[in-house]
Amino acid sequence: MKSNDYVKYITQTVVKYIDQPKDERKKSRLEKKNAKEPFLLKWFGIIPYAIYELFNRKK
């Protein structure tokens, strides 16, 4: 990829982001955040996450 192509891609991406309404940007950020898996599940697996959820439900 040439540097000119990279600059063109970055420029298009920034312009596309700026052209979106503020509400739409917030909505997309929230969707991306909610799509992430929980930290415990990601780093330690399903067993510690299940134990954590079990104790949180009792509270």
C-alpha atoms as a PDB file:
ATOM      1  CA  MET A   1       0.000   0.000   0.000  1.00  0.00           C
ATOM      2  CA  LYS A   2       1.409   3.330  -0.995  1.00  0.00           C
ATOM      3  CA  SER A   3       1.469   6.202   1.457  1.00  0.00           C
ATOM      4  CA  ASN A   4      -0.857   8.190  -0.788  1.00  0.00           C
ATOM      5  CA  ASP A   5      -3.485   5.435  -0.585  1.00  0.00           C
ATOM      6  CA  TYR A   6      -3.148   5.357   3.188  1.00  0.00           C
ATOM      7  CA  VAL A   7      -3.640   9.123   3.489  1.00  0.00           C
ATOM      8  CA  LYS A   8      -6.680   8.883   1.229  1.00  0.00           C
ATOM      9  CA  TYR A   9      -8.174   6.088   3.358  1.00  0.00           C
ATOM     10  CA  ILE A  10      -7.585   7.978   6.626  1.00  0.00           C
ATOM     11  CA  THR A  11      -9.091  11.150   5.156  1.00  0.00           C
ATOM     12  CA  GLN A  12     -12.191   9.299   3.956  1.00  0.00           C
ATOM     13  CA  THR A  13     -12.627   7.658   7.336  1.00  0.00           C
ATOM     14  CA  VAL A  14     -12.337  10.944   9.235  1.00  0.00           C
ATOM     15  CA  VAL A  15     -14.726  12.742   6.903  1.00  0.00           C
ATOM     16  CA  LYS A  16     -17.239   9.894   7.169  1.00  0.00           C
ATOM     17  CA  TYR A  17     -17.037  10.089  10.984  1.00  0.00           C
ATOM     18  CA  ILE A  18     -17.426  13.874  11.066  1.00  0.00           C
ATOM     19  CA  ASP A  19     -20.414  13.805   8.686  1.00  0.00           C
ATOM     20  CA  GLN A  20     -22.381  11.519  11.021  1.00  0.00           C
ATOM     21  CA  PRO A  21     -24.798  13.195  13.414  1.00  0.00           C
ATOM     22  CA  LYS A  22     -23.675  13.291  17.043  1.00  0.00           C
ATOM     23  CA  ASP A  23     -26.482  10.980  18.178  1.00  0.00           C
ATOM     24  CA  GLU A  24     -25.503   8.352  15.634  1.00  0.00           C
ATOM     25  CA  ARG A  25     -21.861   8.477  16.770  1.00  0.00           C
ATOM     26  CA  LYS A  26     -22.905   7.971  20.390  1.00  0.00           C
ATOM     27  CA  LYS A  27     -25.181   5.109  19.403  1.00  0.00           C
ATOM     28  CA  SER A  28     -22.424   3.324  17.484  1.00  0.00           C
ATOM     29  CA  ARG A  29     -19.983   3.756  20.405  1.00  0.00           C
ATOM     30  CA  LEU A  30     -22.502   2.270  22.836  1.00  0.00           C
ATOM     31  CA  GLU A  31     -23.191  -0.670  20.514  1.00  0.00           C
ATOM     32  CA  LYS A  32     -19.480  -1.363  20.202  1.00  0.00           C
ATOM     33  CA  LYS A  33     -19.022  -1.154  23.968  1.00  0.00           C
ATOM     34  CA  ASN A  34     -21.936  -3.509  24.659  1.00  0.00           C
ATOM     35  CA  ALA A  35     -20.663  -6.032  22.124  1.00  0.00           C
ATOM     36  CA  LYS A  36     -17.454  -6.591  24.096  1.00  0.00           C
ATOM     37  CA  GLU A  37     -17.301  -9.657  26.303  1.00  0.00           C
ATOM     38  CA  PRO A  38     -16.764  -9.141  30.042  1.00  0.00           C
ATOM     39  CA  PHE A  39     -13.185  -8.812  31.339  1.00  0.00           C
ATOM     40  CA  LEU A  40     -13.342 -11.916  33.538  1.00  0.00           C
ATOM     41  CA  LEU A  41     -14.589 -14.061  30.691  1.00  0.00           C
ATOM     42  CA  LYS A  42     -11.996 -12.743  28.276  1.00  0.00           C
ATOM     43  CA  TRP A  43      -8.964 -13.244  30.519  1.00  0.00           C
ATOM     44  CA  PHE A  44      -9.869 -16.099  32.854  1.00  0.00           C
ATOM     45  CA  GLY A  45     -12.475 -18.216  31.090  1.00  0.00           C
ATOM     46  CA  ILE A  46     -16.032 -19.258  31.752  1.00  0.00           C
ATOM     47  CA  ILE A  47     -15.648 -20.892  35.204  1.00  0.00           C
ATOM     48  CA  PRO A  48     -14.532 -17.779  37.166  1.00  0.00           C
ATOM     49  CA  TYR A  49     -17.105 -15.693  35.309  1.00  0.00           C
ATOM     50  CA  ALA A  50     -19.881 -18.142  36.189  1.00  0.00           C
ATOM     51  CA  ILE A  51     -18.868 -18.071  39.873  1.00  0.00           C
ATOM     52  CA  TYR A  52     -18.821 -14.277  39.812  1.00  0.00           C
ATOM     53  CA  GLU A  53     -22.293 -14.127  38.263  1.00  0.00           C
ATOM     54  CA  LEU A  54     -23.598 -16.678  40.772  1.00  0.00           C
ATOM     55  CA  PHE A  55     -22.539 -14.512  43.714  1.00  0.00           C
ATOM     56  CA  ASN A  56     -23.871 -11.326  42.118  1.00  0.00           C
ATOM     57  CA  ARG A  57     -27.341 -12.783  41.634  1.00  0.00           C
ATOM     58  CA  LYS A  58     -27.668 -13.503  45.365  1.00  0.00           C
ATOM     59  CA  LYS A  59     -27.131  -9.840  46.273  1.00  0.00           C
END
